[in-house]
Amino acid sequence: MKDGGNLAMHAMIDGYHKAGWQVHLLSMNTTRHRVRSELLNKVFAHLQGFSWVDMDNEVTMGGVLKNFFFSTEPEHVQRFHTEEFETKLVEVLKDFRPDAVQIESVYLTTYLPAIHKHSSAVTVLRVHNVEYQIWQGMAGKTKNVLKKYYFNSLAERVRNYERKAWKDYDLLLAITEKDAQLIHRLEDVARVIMAPFTIEADKVRPPVQEEQWAGYHIGAMDWMPNKDGMRWFLHKVWPKVHKAAPGFRFYFAGRHMGTEFLETKLNGVKCEGEVEDADAFIADKKILIVPLLSGGGIRVKILEAMAQGKIVISTSKGIKGIEARSEEHYLRANSPEHFAKWIKWCMENKDAARKISENARALVLEKYERGKVMSIITEEVDYLVKIRKHH
């Protein structure tokens, strides 16, 4: 449970289970996020069933070029489709006989024909992001001509693919209200409801008494928006922050931390690499810094930070999808000057800054509590299942 996507999927699995559903999880154990079998055997022992297929999903230049020249589908689709996984899927469908099948990535829509052939299950797609927007954003940010051309081409492929895919499901679970509205605007889909990341109120760690007024960021550095955002923050933002608030300290951590970050030598900045305990890394620091310039979906780490009483300073892109207002629940910063301004303000106005963090915590517990959200989702899925069985 070390990145936002994993946490979001785990919240959904756990939510169905606690709502009284029998759940079988079929997972891809990929090379990029490999977990040892002996650990996997312990993780979901409480579910009705848990199985996985080891999969090589490494990005290769040969695979990218072959896809670019000889296919109209996004490269992701081909990279995540294997006969071995489809065979296991069919086996689970026949044995478990689910009333509903939920898929956690639009790129796995290639398995829908097998699902329809071997079951009568209601099909649900969790829309973590409107994917083409991520690649459009990447194209807009890069100055490299070849990269820009490739990202634009990929964005178009993904857009065509996901718009067609949305119409193939009985229900779409959009992670933000804006994504739900965009899907409705682009395509005539059956049903869309909002299903944001959720927080278990009784498991939220209360704020630490002696937090240091320091900044932190934690995120997987094999995700390009995280990498680009951190580069921008260190090279463009930090010099202005350090000048405005010389005593402010910033710590960042995450998986797959490249050498360029591990070797950071900036006054007041420390790269921790991959940390063993993310909660411990976060616990004693007061201010979450979110310098995202691209990407979609909802920032799991922001909701967790808000629930823990942290102060969030984020770009508009970073806060996207969270029903929060700047200067009431968080502080919006879209430029180096704004980051420097708000960090300096927090250091000089700690009582006022704490009030913002208290407002944010109340917002999350009201709108993103897991039990409330899951009751809406399970009611909708159950309704569709009953209609399917009736017919």
Protein backbone atom coordinates (compact mmCIF):
# COMPACT_ATOMS: atom_id res chain seq x y z
CA MET A 1 0.00 0.00 0.00
CA LYS A 2 2.65 2.49 -1.09
CA ASP A 3 0.97 4.56 -3.79
CA GLY A 4 -2.34 6.26 -4.46
CA GLY A 5 -3.64 3.76 -7.00
CA ASN A 6 -3.04 0.82 -4.68
CA LEU A 7 -4.69 2.62 -1.77
CA ALA A 8 -7.71 3.56 -3.88
CA MET A 9 -8.22 -0.02 -5.09
CA HIS A 10 -7.73 -1.43 -1.60
CA ALA A 11 -10.36 0.98 -0.26
CA MET A 12 -12.87 -0.31 -2.81
CA ILE A 13 -12.10 -3.99 -2.16
CA ASP A 14 -12.35 -3.44 1.58
CA GLY A 15 -15.53 -1.40 1.13
CA TYR A 16 -17.36 -4.16 -0.74
CA HIS A 17 -16.21 -6.75 1.80
CA LYS A 18 -17.36 -4.71 4.79
CA ALA A 19 -20.67 -4.04 3.05
CA GLY A 20 -21.32 -7.79 3.19
CA TRP A 21 -20.44 -8.79 -0.39
CA GLN A 22 -18.49 -11.93 -1.22
CA VAL A 23 -15.38 -10.69 -3.03
CA HIS A 24 -12.89 -12.49 -5.24
CA LEU A 25 -9.88 -10.41 -6.25
CA LEU A 26 -8.02 -11.36 -9.41
CA SER A 27 -4.83 -9.33 -9.70
CA MET A 28 -1.89 -8.82 -12.00
CA ASN A 29 1.39 -9.15 -10.12
CA THR A 30 3.46 -7.01 -12.44
CA THR A 31 7.20 -6.71 -12.83
CA ARG A 32 7.02 -2.97 -12.13
CA HIS A 33 5.28 -3.51 -8.78
CA ARG A 34 6.19 -7.10 -7.96
CA VAL A 35 5.14 -8.49 -4.59
CA ARG A 36 6.51 -11.81 -3.34
CA SER A 37 4.05 -14.73 -3.29
CA GLU A 38 4.55 -15.39 0.42
CA LEU A 39 3.44 -11.81 1.17
CA LEU A 40 0.50 -11.93 -1.22
CA ASN A 41 -0.84 -15.05 0.46
CA LYS A 42 -1.36 -13.05 3.67
CA VAL A 43 -2.78 -9.81 2.29
CA PHE A 44 -6.32 -10.78 1.28
CA ALA A 45 -6.85 -13.98 3.25
CA HIS A 46 -10.17 -12.58 4.56
CA LEU A 47 -11.75 -12.40 1.09
CA GLN A 48 -13.84 -15.12 -0.50
CA GLY A 49 -11.03 -15.63 -2.98
CA PHE A 50 -7.75 -14.06 -4.06
CA SER A 51 -5.66 -15.11 -7.02
CA TRP A 52 -3.05 -13.48 -9.21
CA VAL A 53 -1.02 -13.94 -12.33
CA ASP A 54 2.62 -12.85 -12.59
CA MET A 55 3.00 -10.49 -15.54
CA ASP A 56 5.82 -8.73 -17.35
CA ASN A 57 4.60 -5.19 -18.00
CA GLU A 58 7.94 -3.46 -18.52
CA VAL A 59 7.92 -0.67 -21.10
CA THR A 60 10.38 -1.49 -23.88
CA MET A 61 11.46 0.66 -26.81
CA GLY A 62 10.72 -2.21 -29.18
CA GLY A 63 7.21 -2.62 -27.81
CA VAL A 64 6.51 1.12 -27.99
CA LEU A 65 7.76 1.40 -31.58
CA LYS A 66 5.90 -1.72 -32.73
CA ASN A 67 2.69 -0.41 -31.22
CA PHE A 68 3.18 3.08 -32.64
CA PHE A 69 3.68 1.92 -36.22
CA PHE A 70 1.45 -1.16 -36.39
CA SER A 71 -1.50 -0.58 -34.04
CA THR A 72 -4.26 1.96 -33.46
CA GLU A 73 -4.68 0.93 -29.81
CA PRO A 74 -2.74 2.52 -26.91
CA GLU A 75 0.44 0.66 -26.01
CA HIS A 76 -0.92 0.09 -22.48
CA VAL A 77 -3.70 -2.15 -23.81
CA GLN A 78 -1.35 -4.56 -25.53
CA ARG A 79 1.11 -4.56 -22.64
CA PHE A 80 -1.54 -5.70 -20.16
CA HIS A 81 -3.22 -8.37 -22.28
CA THR A 82 -1.93 -11.94 -22.01
CA GLU A 83 -3.45 -15.34 -22.69
CA GLU A 84 -2.36 -16.52 -19.26
CA PHE A 85 -4.34 -13.82 -17.48
CA GLU A 86 -7.42 -14.39 -19.66
CA THR A 87 -7.28 -18.13 -18.92
CA LYS A 88 -7.17 -17.41 -15.19
CA LEU A 89 -10.02 -14.90 -15.52
CA VAL A 90 -12.24 -17.47 -17.24
CA GLU A 91 -11.39 -20.01 -14.55
CA VAL A 92 -12.42 -17.58 -11.79
CA LEU A 93 -15.63 -16.60 -13.60
CA LYS A 94 -16.70 -20.22 -13.90
CA ASP A 95 -15.80 -21.09 -10.32
CA PHE A 96 -16.91 -17.95 -8.47
CA ARG A 97 -19.89 -17.07 -10.72
CA PRO A 98 -19.98 -13.36 -9.80
CA ASP A 99 -23.05 -11.15 -9.98
CA ALA A 100 -20.81 -8.19 -10.83
CA VAL A 101 -17.30 -7.78 -12.19
CA GLN A 102 -15.46 -4.54 -11.50
CA ILE A 103 -12.44 -3.60 -13.59
CA GLU A 104 -9.92 -1.11 -12.21
CA SER A 105 -8.42 0.18 -15.46
CA VAL A 106 -9.91 1.11 -18.81
CA TYR A 107 -6.92 -0.57 -20.46
CA LEU A 108 -8.25 -3.95 -19.26
CA THR A 109 -11.40 -3.56 -21.34
CA THR A 110 -9.84 -6.08 -23.75
CA TYR A 111 -10.96 -8.75 -21.26
CA LEU A 112 -14.64 -7.75 -21.51
CA PRO A 113 -15.46 -10.23 -24.34
CA ALA A 114 -14.25 -13.10 -22.13
CA ILE A 115 -16.32 -11.78 -19.21
CA HIS A 116 -19.45 -11.53 -21.35
CA LYS A 117 -18.88 -14.97 -22.87
CA HIS A 118 -18.38 -16.81 -19.58
CA SER A 119 -20.73 -14.93 -17.23
CA SER A 120 -23.88 -12.82 -17.11
CA ALA A 121 -22.32 -10.43 -14.58
CA VAL A 122 -22.99 -6.71 -14.42
CA THR A 123 -19.81 -4.98 -15.58
CA VAL A 124 -18.41 -1.99 -13.70
CA LEU A 125 -15.44 0.21 -14.64
CA ARG A 126 -13.63 2.30 -12.03
CA VAL A 127 -12.52 5.43 -13.84
CA HIS A 128 -9.42 6.46 -11.88
CA ASN A 129 -8.65 9.12 -14.48
CA VAL A 130 -9.91 10.34 -17.81
CA GLU A 131 -6.73 8.90 -19.23
CA TYR A 132 -6.31 10.92 -22.43
CA GLN A 133 -6.12 14.14 -20.41
CA ILE A 134 -2.95 12.91 -18.73
CA TRP A 135 -1.19 12.47 -22.06
CA GLN A 136 -2.54 15.74 -23.41
CA GLY A 137 -1.07 17.41 -20.35
CA MET A 138 2.28 15.69 -20.87
CA ALA A 139 2.34 16.81 -24.51
CA GLY A 140 1.63 20.38 -23.47
CA LYS A 141 4.47 20.44 -20.92
CA THR A 142 7.29 18.87 -22.93
CA LYS A 143 9.50 20.96 -25.19
CA ASN A 144 11.02 17.96 -26.94
CA VAL A 145 9.47 17.85 -30.43
CA LEU A 146 9.56 14.05 -30.77
CA LYS A 147 8.11 13.51 -27.28
CA LYS A 148 5.39 16.07 -27.95
CA TYR A 149 4.44 14.30 -31.19
CA TYR A 150 4.35 10.90 -29.48
CA PHE A 151 2.36 12.13 -26.46
CA ASN A 152 -0.18 13.84 -28.73
CA SER A 153 -0.52 10.67 -30.80
CA LEU A 154 -0.90 8.56 -27.66
CA ALA A 155 -3.48 10.98 -26.24
CA GLU A 156 -5.57 10.61 -29.39
CA ARG A 157 -5.34 6.81 -29.30
CA VAL A 158 -6.27 6.69 -25.63
CA ARG A 159 -9.15 9.13 -26.15
CA ASN A 160 -10.65 7.03 -28.94
CA TYR A 161 -10.14 3.83 -26.99
CA GLU A 162 -11.60 4.93 -23.68
CA ARG A 163 -14.60 6.73 -25.22
CA LYS A 164 -15.55 3.50 -26.98
CA ALA A 165 -14.82 1.45 -23.85
CA TRP A 166 -17.03 3.58 -21.57
CA LYS A 167 -20.09 2.53 -23.59
CA ASP A 168 -19.36 -1.17 -23.09
CA TYR A 169 -19.95 -1.16 -19.31
CA ASP A 170 -23.18 -1.26 -17.31
CA LEU A 171 -21.84 1.23 -14.76
CA LEU A 172 -18.95 3.69 -14.55
CA LEU A 173 -17.56 4.78 -11.18
CA ALA A 174 -15.92 8.16 -11.76
CA ILE A 175 -13.45 9.18 -9.10
CA THR A 176 -14.40 12.87 -9.36
CA GLU A 177 -17.59 14.78 -10.18
CA LYS A 178 -15.79 16.66 -12.97
CA ASP A 179 -14.77 13.37 -14.58
CA ALA A 180 -18.37 12.12 -14.36
CA GLN A 181 -19.63 15.29 -16.06
CA LEU A 182 -16.97 15.05 -18.78
CA ILE A 183 -17.85 11.41 -19.53
CA HIS A 184 -21.53 12.32 -19.88
CA ARG A 185 -20.61 15.23 -22.13
CA LEU A 186 -18.42 13.13 -24.42
CA GLU A 187 -20.46 9.93 -24.68
CA ASP A 188 -23.98 8.59 -24.22
CA VAL A 189 -23.13 6.09 -21.49
CA ALA A 190 -25.52 3.96 -19.45
CA ARG A 191 -24.86 5.06 -15.85
CA VAL A 192 -22.15 7.09 -14.14
CA ILE A 193 -21.88 7.83 -10.42
CA MET A 194 -19.10 9.44 -8.42
CA ALA A 195 -16.96 7.07 -6.37
CA PRO A 196 -14.10 9.04 -4.83
CA PHE A 197 -11.26 7.70 -2.74
CA THR A 198 -12.53 7.17 0.78
CA ILE A 199 -11.22 7.48 4.31
CA GLU A 200 -12.09 5.20 7.23
CA ALA A 201 -12.82 7.78 9.91
CA ASP A 202 -12.03 5.46 12.81
CA LYS A 203 -8.60 4.61 11.37
CA VAL A 204 -7.36 8.11 10.63
CA ARG A 205 -4.27 8.82 12.69
CA PRO A 206 -4.85 11.99 14.75
CA PRO A 207 -2.42 14.88 14.30
CA VAL A 208 0.89 14.49 16.11
CA GLN A 209 1.32 16.87 19.05
CA GLU A 210 4.83 17.98 18.12
CA GLU A 211 4.71 18.34 14.33
CA GLN A 212 7.55 20.30 12.84
CA TRP A 213 6.50 23.11 10.51
CA ALA A 214 8.26 21.48 7.60
CA GLY A 215 7.05 20.49 4.14
CA TYR A 216 6.87 17.02 2.66
CA HIS A 217 5.91 15.23 -0.53
CA ILE A 218 5.58 11.49 -1.04
CA GLY A 219 4.75 9.77 -4.32
CA ALA A 220 5.89 7.10 -6.76
CA MET A 221 8.61 8.53 -8.97
CA ASP A 222 7.95 6.09 -11.80
CA TRP A 223 4.79 8.13 -12.53
CA MET A 224 5.79 10.89 -14.93
CA PRO A 225 3.56 13.69 -13.51
CA ASN A 226 5.17 13.17 -10.06
CA LYS A 227 8.64 13.24 -11.57
CA ASP A 228 8.02 16.37 -13.66
CA GLY A 229 6.31 18.15 -10.78
CA MET A 230 9.20 17.45 -8.42
CA ARG A 231 11.75 18.67 -10.97
CA TRP A 232 9.78 21.90 -11.32
CA PHE A 233 9.51 22.36 -7.57
CA LEU A 234 13.20 21.77 -6.88
CA HIS A 235 14.58 23.86 -9.74
CA LYS A 236 12.01 26.64 -10.17
CA VAL A 237 10.09 26.88 -6.90
CA TRP A 238 12.57 26.04 -4.16
CA PRO A 239 14.99 28.97 -4.75
CA LYS A 240 12.10 31.42 -4.16
CA VAL A 241 10.79 29.44 -1.17
CA HIS A 242 14.23 29.31 0.46
CA LYS A 243 14.70 33.04 -0.04
CA ALA A 244 11.27 33.89 1.41
CA ALA A 245 11.46 31.43 4.33
CA PRO A 246 15.11 30.46 4.95
CA GLY A 247 14.24 28.32 7.98
CA PHE A 248 11.69 26.16 6.14
CA ARG A 249 12.70 22.53 5.49
CA PHE A 250 11.37 20.23 2.76
CA TYR A 251 11.53 16.41 2.70
CA PHE A 252 10.43 14.17 -0.15
CA ALA A 253 10.23 10.41 -0.57
CA GLY A 254 8.81 7.74 -2.86
CA ARG A 255 9.37 4.52 -4.72
CA HIS A 256 11.66 4.33 -7.77
CA MET A 257 13.50 7.51 -6.80
CA GLY A 258 15.99 8.21 -9.58
CA THR A 259 19.59 9.27 -9.11
CA GLU A 260 18.80 12.87 -10.10
CA PHE A 261 16.63 13.16 -6.97
CA LEU A 262 18.69 11.00 -4.61
CA GLU A 263 21.69 13.24 -5.28
CA THR A 264 19.78 16.48 -4.61
CA LYS A 265 22.01 19.05 -2.95
CA LEU A 266 19.87 22.06 -2.08
CA ASN A 267 19.96 23.94 1.21
CA GLY A 268 16.91 22.94 3.26
CA VAL A 269 15.93 19.98 1.06
CA LYS A 270 16.35 16.29 1.87
CA CYS A 271 15.48 13.33 -0.36
CA GLU A 272 14.64 10.25 1.73
CA GLY A 273 14.31 7.83 -1.22
CA GLU A 274 11.89 4.95 -0.64
CA VAL A 275 10.81 4.90 3.00
CA GLU A 276 9.88 1.73 4.85
CA ASP A 277 7.00 3.35 6.75
CA ALA A 278 5.15 6.11 4.86
CA ASP A 279 2.98 6.95 7.89
CA ALA A 280 6.05 7.51 10.06
CA PHE A 281 7.61 9.72 7.36
CA ILE A 282 4.48 11.87 7.21
CA ALA A 283 3.51 11.93 10.89
CA ASP A 284 5.78 14.68 12.24
CA LYS A 285 5.57 17.10 9.30
CA LYS A 286 2.81 19.72 9.07
CA ILE A 287 2.68 20.87 5.43
CA LEU A 288 2.00 18.71 2.36
CA ILE A 289 3.43 20.18 -0.84
CA VAL A 290 1.69 19.10 -4.09
CA PRO A 291 3.51 20.55 -7.14
CA LEU A 292 1.63 18.57 -9.81
CA LEU A 293 1.49 20.19 -13.26
CA SER A 294 -0.30 17.35 -15.08
CA GLY A 295 -2.25 14.18 -14.35
CA GLY A 296 -5.85 13.39 -13.55
CA GLY A 297 -8.00 11.65 -10.99
CA ILE A 298 -7.90 12.45 -7.30
CA ARG A 299 -4.89 12.81 -5.04
CA VAL A 300 -5.19 10.10 -2.39
CA LYS A 301 -2.33 11.57 -0.42
CA ILE A 302 -4.10 14.93 -0.21
CA LEU A 303 -7.23 13.41 1.32
CA GLU A 304 -5.14 11.40 3.77
CA ALA A 305 -3.17 14.51 4.72
CA MET A 306 -6.33 16.56 5.22
CA ALA A 307 -7.83 13.82 7.39
CA GLN A 308 -4.68 13.90 9.51
CA GLY A 309 -4.91 17.67 10.02
CA LYS A 310 -2.10 18.65 7.66
CA ILE A 311 -1.94 21.93 5.77
CA VAL A 312 -2.04 21.34 2.01
CA ILE A 313 -0.38 23.70 -0.46
CA SER A 314 -1.22 22.50 -3.96
CA THR A 315 -1.47 23.49 -7.58
CA SER A 316 -4.94 23.59 -9.14
CA LYS A 317 -4.07 20.39 -11.00
CA GLY A 318 -3.07 18.66 -7.79
CA ILE A 319 -6.27 19.50 -5.89
CA LYS A 320 -8.49 18.69 -8.89
CA GLY A 321 -11.44 16.50 -7.96
CA ILE A 322 -11.51 17.39 -4.28
CA GLU A 323 -14.37 19.67 -3.19
CA ALA A 324 -12.07 22.07 -1.38
CA ARG A 325 -11.87 25.86 -1.48
CA SER A 326 -8.58 27.74 -1.46
CA GLU A 327 -7.82 29.61 1.78
CA GLU A 328 -10.59 27.70 3.55
CA HIS A 329 -9.50 24.05 3.15
CA TYR A 330 -6.12 24.37 1.39
CA LEU A 331 -3.79 26.96 -0.15
CA ARG A 332 -3.62 27.16 -3.95
CA ALA A 333 -0.22 27.80 -5.54
CA ASN A 334 0.24 27.68 -9.31
CA SER A 335 3.54 29.52 -9.53
CA PRO A 336 6.87 29.61 -7.69
CA GLU A 337 5.88 32.99 -6.26
CA HIS A 338 2.62 31.60 -4.84
CA PHE A 339 4.35 28.64 -3.20
CA ALA A 340 6.88 31.00 -1.60
CA LYS A 341 4.11 33.36 -0.46
CA TRP A 342 1.98 30.67 1.20
CA ILE A 343 4.85 28.83 2.84
CA LYS A 344 6.09 32.11 4.34
CA TRP A 345 2.52 32.92 5.44
CA CYS A 346 2.16 29.53 7.18
CA MET A 347 5.40 30.00 9.06
CA GLU A 348 4.32 33.46 10.25
CA ASN A 349 0.60 32.75 10.86
CA LYS A 350 0.47 29.33 12.45
CA ASP A 351 -2.87 29.71 14.22
CA ALA A 352 -4.62 30.80 11.01
CA ALA A 353 -2.91 28.01 9.09
CA ARG A 354 -4.06 25.46 11.70
CA LYS A 355 -7.64 26.65 11.21
CA ILE A 356 -7.40 25.80 7.50
CA SER A 357 -6.14 22.32 8.34
CA GLU A 358 -9.02 21.83 10.80
CA ASN A 359 -11.52 22.86 8.12
CA ALA A 360 -9.94 20.39 5.70
CA ARG A 361 -10.16 17.53 8.18
CA ALA A 362 -13.86 18.22 8.76
CA LEU A 363 -14.50 18.33 4.99
CA VAL A 364 -12.88 14.95 4.37
CA LEU A 365 -14.71 13.21 7.20
CA GLU A 366 -18.00 14.62 5.92
CA LYS A 367 -17.69 13.92 2.18
CA TYR A 368 -15.13 11.13 1.82
CA GLU A 369 -15.96 8.72 4.65
CA ARG A 370 -15.84 5.16 3.32
CA GLY A 371 -19.08 3.84 4.76
CA LYS A 372 -21.13 6.69 3.28
CA VAL A 373 -19.61 6.40 -0.18
CA MET A 374 -19.72 2.60 -0.32
CA SER A 375 -23.42 2.51 0.61
CA ILE A 376 -24.18 4.57 -2.52
CA ILE A 377 -22.01 2.36 -4.74
CA THR A 378 -23.26 -0.99 -3.45
CA GLU A 379 -26.88 0.15 -3.68
CA GLU A 380 -26.37 1.05 -7.35
CA VAL A 381 -24.56 -2.18 -8.23
CA ASP A 382 -27.13 -4.25 -6.35
CA TYR A 383 -29.95 -2.52 -8.27
CA LEU A 384 -28.30 -3.40 -11.62
CA VAL A 385 -27.72 -7.00 -10.50
CA LYS A 386 -31.40 -7.39 -9.60
CA ILE A 387 -32.47 -6.02 -12.98
CA ARG A 388 -30.07 -8.40 -14.76
CA LYS A 389 -31.39 -11.41 -12.83
CA HIS A 390 -35.01 -10.39 -13.46
CA HIS A 391 -34.42 -10.32 -17.20
